[in-house]
N, C-alpha and C. Protein backbone atom coordinates (compact mmCIF):
# COMPACT_ATOMS: atom_id res chain seq x y z
N MET A 1 63.17 -60.24 72.03
CA MET A 1 62.79 -61.11 70.97
C MET A 1 61.28 -61.04 70.75
N LYS A 2 60.89 -60.98 69.46
CA LYS A 2 59.47 -60.91 69.15
C LYS A 2 58.84 -62.30 69.21
N LYS A 3 57.60 -62.28 69.62
CA LYS A 3 56.86 -63.54 69.70
C LYS A 3 56.42 -63.94 68.28
N ARG A 4 56.67 -65.19 67.95
CA ARG A 4 56.35 -65.68 66.61
C ARG A 4 54.87 -66.05 66.54
N ASP A 5 54.20 -65.61 65.47
CA ASP A 5 52.78 -65.88 65.27
C ASP A 5 52.65 -67.13 64.39
N ASP A 6 52.20 -68.25 64.99
CA ASP A 6 52.09 -69.52 64.28
C ASP A 6 50.73 -69.73 63.63
N LYS A 7 49.84 -68.78 63.70
CA LYS A 7 48.51 -68.93 63.12
C LYS A 7 48.59 -68.84 61.60
N ILE A 8 47.65 -69.51 60.94
CA ILE A 8 47.58 -69.45 59.48
C ILE A 8 46.91 -68.16 59.08
N ARG A 9 47.54 -67.47 58.18
CA ARG A 9 46.97 -66.21 57.71
C ARG A 9 46.26 -66.44 56.39
N ILE A 10 45.04 -65.96 56.33
CA ILE A 10 44.24 -66.12 55.13
C ILE A 10 44.19 -64.81 54.35
N SER A 11 44.61 -63.77 54.93
CA SER A 11 44.47 -62.45 54.31
C SER A 11 45.13 -62.35 52.93
N HIS A 12 46.22 -63.04 52.73
CA HIS A 12 46.91 -62.97 51.45
C HIS A 12 46.41 -64.02 50.46
N ASN A 13 45.65 -64.98 50.95
CA ASN A 13 45.23 -66.10 50.11
C ASN A 13 43.70 -66.20 50.02
N LYS A 14 43.00 -65.11 50.08
CA LYS A 14 41.54 -65.16 50.05
C LYS A 14 41.02 -65.71 48.74
N LYS A 15 41.63 -65.35 47.63
CA LYS A 15 41.18 -65.84 46.32
C LYS A 15 41.38 -67.35 46.23
N LEU A 16 42.50 -67.83 46.72
CA LEU A 16 42.77 -69.26 46.70
C LEU A 16 41.78 -70.01 47.59
N LEU A 17 41.46 -69.46 48.73
CA LEU A 17 40.50 -70.08 49.64
C LEU A 17 39.12 -70.16 48.99
N VAL A 18 38.71 -69.13 48.32
CA VAL A 18 37.41 -69.12 47.63
C VAL A 18 37.38 -70.19 46.54
N VAL A 19 38.46 -70.29 45.77
CA VAL A 19 38.54 -71.29 44.72
C VAL A 19 38.47 -72.70 45.30
N ILE A 20 39.17 -72.94 46.39
CA ILE A 20 39.15 -74.26 47.04
C ILE A 20 37.76 -74.59 47.55
N ILE A 21 37.07 -73.65 48.15
CA ILE A 21 35.71 -73.89 48.66
C ILE A 21 34.76 -74.20 47.51
N ILE A 22 34.87 -73.48 46.41
CA ILE A 22 34.01 -73.74 45.24
C ILE A 22 34.30 -75.12 44.67
N LEU A 23 35.55 -75.51 44.58
CA LEU A 23 35.91 -76.84 44.07
C LEU A 23 35.38 -77.95 44.97
N ILE A 24 35.47 -77.76 46.27
CA ILE A 24 34.93 -78.76 47.20
C ILE A 24 33.43 -78.88 47.04
N PHE A 25 32.75 -77.75 46.90
CA PHE A 25 31.29 -77.76 46.70
C PHE A 25 30.93 -78.49 45.41
N LEU A 26 31.63 -78.20 44.32
CA LEU A 26 31.35 -78.86 43.04
C LEU A 26 31.64 -80.36 43.10
N LEU A 27 32.69 -80.75 43.79
CA LEU A 27 33.02 -82.15 43.96
C LEU A 27 31.93 -82.87 44.74
N ALA A 28 31.45 -82.25 45.82
CA ALA A 28 30.37 -82.83 46.61
C ALA A 28 29.09 -82.97 45.78
N LEU A 29 28.81 -81.97 44.97
CA LEU A 29 27.63 -82.01 44.09
C LEU A 29 27.75 -83.12 43.07
N LEU A 30 28.92 -83.29 42.48
CA LEU A 30 29.16 -84.35 41.52
C LEU A 30 28.99 -85.73 42.15
N ILE A 31 29.53 -85.93 43.33
CA ILE A 31 29.38 -87.20 44.03
C ILE A 31 27.92 -87.48 44.34
N TYR A 32 27.18 -86.47 44.75
CA TYR A 32 25.75 -86.63 45.05
C TYR A 32 24.99 -87.13 43.82
N PHE A 33 25.21 -86.50 42.66
CA PHE A 33 24.48 -86.90 41.46
C PHE A 33 24.90 -88.29 40.97
N ILE A 34 26.15 -88.64 41.11
CA ILE A 34 26.61 -89.97 40.72
C ILE A 34 25.94 -91.02 41.59
N LEU A 35 25.91 -90.81 42.90
CA LEU A 35 25.27 -91.76 43.80
C LEU A 35 23.77 -91.83 43.58
N LYS A 36 23.14 -90.71 43.31
CA LYS A 36 21.70 -90.68 43.08
C LYS A 36 21.35 -91.49 41.83
N ASN A 37 22.09 -91.32 40.75
CA ASN A 37 21.82 -92.06 39.52
C ASN A 37 22.13 -93.53 39.65
N SER A 38 23.14 -93.90 40.39
CA SER A 38 23.47 -95.31 40.54
C SER A 38 22.42 -96.03 41.38
N ASN A 39 21.81 -95.36 42.35
CA ASN A 39 20.76 -95.97 43.15
C ASN A 39 19.49 -96.17 42.35
N GLN A 40 19.18 -95.28 41.42
CA GLN A 40 17.96 -95.40 40.62
C GLN A 40 18.05 -96.60 39.69
N ASN A 41 19.21 -96.92 39.22
CA ASN A 41 19.36 -98.04 38.29
C ASN A 41 19.21 -99.38 38.99
N ASN A 42 19.38 -99.45 40.29
CA ASN A 42 19.31 -100.70 41.02
C ASN A 42 17.93 -100.99 41.58
N ILE A 43 16.98 -100.08 41.43
CA ILE A 43 15.63 -100.29 41.96
C ILE A 43 14.90 -101.27 41.06
N PRO A 44 14.41 -102.39 41.62
CA PRO A 44 13.70 -103.35 40.78
C PRO A 44 12.36 -102.78 40.32
N VAL A 45 12.06 -103.02 39.05
CA VAL A 45 10.80 -102.55 38.48
C VAL A 45 9.73 -103.59 38.74
N GLU A 46 8.61 -103.14 39.27
CA GLU A 46 7.51 -104.05 39.56
C GLU A 46 6.85 -104.47 38.25
N LYS A 47 6.63 -105.76 38.10
CA LYS A 47 5.98 -106.26 36.89
C LYS A 47 4.50 -105.94 36.95
N GLU A 48 3.97 -105.42 35.83
CA GLU A 48 2.54 -105.14 35.78
C GLU A 48 1.78 -106.24 35.07
N CYS A 49 2.50 -107.19 34.45
CA CYS A 49 1.82 -108.30 33.77
C CYS A 49 2.73 -109.52 33.74
N VAL A 50 2.08 -110.67 33.53
CA VAL A 50 2.80 -111.93 33.40
C VAL A 50 2.59 -112.49 32.00
N ASN A 51 1.36 -112.34 31.48
CA ASN A 51 1.05 -112.79 30.12
C ASN A 51 0.18 -111.76 29.41
N ASP A 52 -0.10 -112.01 28.14
CA ASP A 52 -0.84 -111.05 27.32
C ASP A 52 -2.25 -110.76 27.84
N GLU A 53 -2.85 -111.71 28.52
CA GLU A 53 -4.21 -111.54 29.03
C GLU A 53 -4.29 -110.52 30.17
N ASP A 54 -3.16 -110.14 30.72
CA ASP A 54 -3.13 -109.15 31.81
C ASP A 54 -3.14 -107.71 31.30
N CYS A 55 -3.08 -107.50 29.97
CA CYS A 55 -2.96 -106.17 29.40
C CYS A 55 -4.18 -105.78 28.58
N PHE A 56 -4.57 -104.50 28.69
CA PHE A 56 -5.73 -103.98 27.99
C PHE A 56 -5.41 -102.60 27.43
N ALA A 57 -6.25 -102.15 26.49
CA ALA A 57 -6.10 -100.81 25.92
C ALA A 57 -6.32 -99.76 26.99
N SER A 58 -5.62 -98.65 26.89
CA SER A 58 -5.69 -97.59 27.90
C SER A 58 -6.95 -96.74 27.79
N ALA A 59 -7.63 -96.80 26.65
CA ALA A 59 -8.86 -96.02 26.44
C ALA A 59 -9.85 -96.90 25.68
N CYS A 60 -11.11 -96.55 25.79
CA CYS A 60 -12.13 -97.34 25.10
C CYS A 60 -12.06 -97.15 23.59
N CYS A 61 -11.72 -95.97 23.14
CA CYS A 61 -11.67 -95.66 21.70
C CYS A 61 -10.30 -95.08 21.34
N HIS A 62 -9.72 -95.63 20.30
CA HIS A 62 -8.47 -95.11 19.72
C HIS A 62 -7.35 -95.00 20.76
N ALA A 63 -7.12 -96.05 21.50
CA ALA A 63 -6.09 -96.07 22.55
C ALA A 63 -4.70 -95.94 21.93
N GLU A 64 -3.84 -95.23 22.63
CA GLU A 64 -2.46 -95.02 22.17
C GLU A 64 -1.48 -96.00 22.82
N PHE A 65 -1.84 -96.53 23.99
CA PHE A 65 -0.95 -97.44 24.69
C PHE A 65 -1.76 -98.45 25.50
N CYS A 66 -1.07 -99.39 26.14
CA CYS A 66 -1.71 -100.46 26.90
C CYS A 66 -1.41 -100.31 28.39
N VAL A 67 -2.34 -100.80 29.21
CA VAL A 67 -2.19 -100.72 30.67
C VAL A 67 -2.53 -102.07 31.28
N ALA A 68 -2.19 -102.23 32.55
CA ALA A 68 -2.51 -103.46 33.28
C ALA A 68 -4.01 -103.57 33.50
N LYS A 69 -4.45 -104.79 33.77
CA LYS A 69 -5.88 -105.08 33.91
C LYS A 69 -6.55 -104.19 34.97
N ASP A 70 -5.87 -103.91 36.07
CA ASP A 70 -6.48 -103.11 37.14
C ASP A 70 -6.61 -101.63 36.78
N LYS A 71 -5.95 -101.18 35.74
CA LYS A 71 -6.04 -99.78 35.31
C LYS A 71 -6.86 -99.62 34.03
N ALA A 72 -7.41 -100.71 33.52
CA ALA A 72 -8.16 -100.67 32.26
C ALA A 72 -9.51 -99.96 32.47
N PRO A 73 -9.94 -99.19 31.47
CA PRO A 73 -11.24 -98.51 31.57
C PRO A 73 -12.40 -99.49 31.38
N ILE A 74 -13.56 -99.13 31.91
CA ILE A 74 -14.77 -99.92 31.70
C ILE A 74 -15.45 -99.38 30.45
N CYS A 75 -15.59 -100.21 29.45
CA CYS A 75 -16.05 -99.74 28.15
C CYS A 75 -17.45 -100.26 27.79
N ASP A 76 -18.27 -100.58 28.79
CA ASP A 76 -19.65 -101.02 28.52
C ASP A 76 -20.45 -99.85 27.96
N LYS A 77 -21.24 -100.11 26.96
CA LYS A 77 -22.15 -99.13 26.36
C LYS A 77 -21.41 -97.91 25.79
N ILE A 78 -20.21 -98.11 25.30
CA ILE A 78 -19.43 -97.04 24.67
C ILE A 78 -19.43 -97.28 23.17
N PHE A 79 -19.74 -96.25 22.41
CA PHE A 79 -19.69 -96.33 20.95
C PHE A 79 -18.50 -95.51 20.46
N CYS A 80 -17.72 -96.11 19.56
CA CYS A 80 -16.55 -95.43 19.02
C CYS A 80 -16.73 -95.20 17.52
N SER A 81 -16.04 -94.21 17.01
CA SER A 81 -16.07 -93.99 15.56
C SER A 81 -15.27 -95.10 14.87
N GLN A 82 -15.46 -95.23 13.60
CA GLN A 82 -14.77 -96.27 12.83
C GLN A 82 -13.46 -95.77 12.23
N VAL A 83 -12.96 -94.66 12.72
CA VAL A 83 -11.71 -94.09 12.22
C VAL A 83 -10.53 -94.91 12.77
N CYS A 84 -9.58 -95.21 11.91
CA CYS A 84 -8.39 -95.97 12.32
C CYS A 84 -7.28 -94.98 12.65
N SER A 85 -7.24 -94.49 13.89
CA SER A 85 -6.25 -93.47 14.22
C SER A 85 -5.20 -93.94 15.21
N GLY A 86 -5.52 -94.87 16.07
CA GLY A 86 -4.58 -95.32 17.09
C GLY A 86 -3.81 -96.56 16.65
N PRO A 87 -2.76 -96.90 17.38
CA PRO A 87 -1.94 -98.07 17.02
C PRO A 87 -2.66 -99.40 17.26
N LEU A 88 -3.78 -99.36 17.98
CA LEU A 88 -4.54 -100.58 18.23
C LEU A 88 -5.76 -100.70 17.33
N ASP A 89 -6.08 -99.64 16.57
CA ASP A 89 -7.28 -99.62 15.74
C ASP A 89 -7.11 -100.46 14.48
N CYS A 90 -8.25 -100.96 13.98
CA CYS A 90 -8.32 -101.66 12.69
C CYS A 90 -7.31 -102.81 12.60
N ASN A 91 -7.14 -103.51 13.70
CA ASN A 91 -6.28 -104.69 13.76
C ASN A 91 -4.82 -104.37 13.40
N LYS A 92 -4.36 -103.13 13.69
CA LYS A 92 -2.96 -102.77 13.46
C LYS A 92 -2.07 -103.35 14.56
N GLY A 93 -2.64 -103.55 15.75
CA GLY A 93 -1.85 -104.05 16.86
C GLY A 93 -2.75 -104.54 17.98
N HIS A 94 -2.13 -105.11 18.98
CA HIS A 94 -2.87 -105.57 20.16
C HIS A 94 -2.00 -105.37 21.40
N CYS A 95 -2.63 -105.48 22.55
CA CYS A 95 -1.91 -105.33 23.82
C CYS A 95 -1.30 -106.66 24.22
N GLY A 96 -0.08 -106.59 24.71
CA GLY A 96 0.60 -107.79 25.16
C GLY A 96 1.63 -107.47 26.22
N CYS A 97 2.11 -108.51 26.87
CA CYS A 97 3.08 -108.38 27.95
C CYS A 97 4.49 -108.59 27.40
N VAL A 98 5.33 -107.56 27.52
CA VAL A 98 6.71 -107.62 27.05
C VAL A 98 7.62 -107.24 28.22
N ASN A 99 8.42 -108.20 28.69
CA ASN A 99 9.34 -107.98 29.81
C ASN A 99 8.64 -107.43 31.05
N GLY A 100 7.44 -107.93 31.34
CA GLY A 100 6.73 -107.53 32.54
C GLY A 100 5.99 -106.21 32.43
N ARG A 101 5.96 -105.60 31.24
CA ARG A 101 5.29 -104.32 31.01
C ARG A 101 4.26 -104.50 29.90
N CYS A 102 3.10 -103.85 30.05
CA CYS A 102 2.08 -103.89 29.00
C CYS A 102 2.50 -102.97 27.87
N SER A 103 2.50 -103.51 26.64
CA SER A 103 2.97 -102.76 25.48
C SER A 103 2.08 -103.05 24.28
N VAL A 104 2.15 -102.16 23.29
CA VAL A 104 1.46 -102.36 22.04
C VAL A 104 2.34 -103.28 21.18
N ILE A 105 1.74 -104.35 20.68
CA ILE A 105 2.44 -105.28 19.80
C ILE A 105 1.82 -105.15 18.43
N LYS A 106 2.62 -104.77 17.45
CA LYS A 106 2.12 -104.59 16.08
C LYS A 106 1.82 -105.94 15.46
N ASN A 107 0.71 -106.00 14.72
CA ASN A 107 0.33 -107.24 14.02
C ASN A 107 1.10 -107.38 12.72
């Protein structure tokens, strides 16, 4: 009587094995990205302001956005042109606190 070989043979199923390994890898990658994105949404955002007085223009001349008081530039002895190019120029807007973030508020 011949001895029965109970081992799993992969020789006939190599293509199937490769497909299964690729699917497992893609599934693991998908789970990783889902978990990574869900963790980013739960991180609390630090407030940079409480009221409008905490926000200033990001540049001395023709600022495009607003920043917190500790990041504001020192604008002593700075001369700017009279061109109205930025959203804060010529009384078009001012800096204010919106949902804990410094933002440009249109007048």
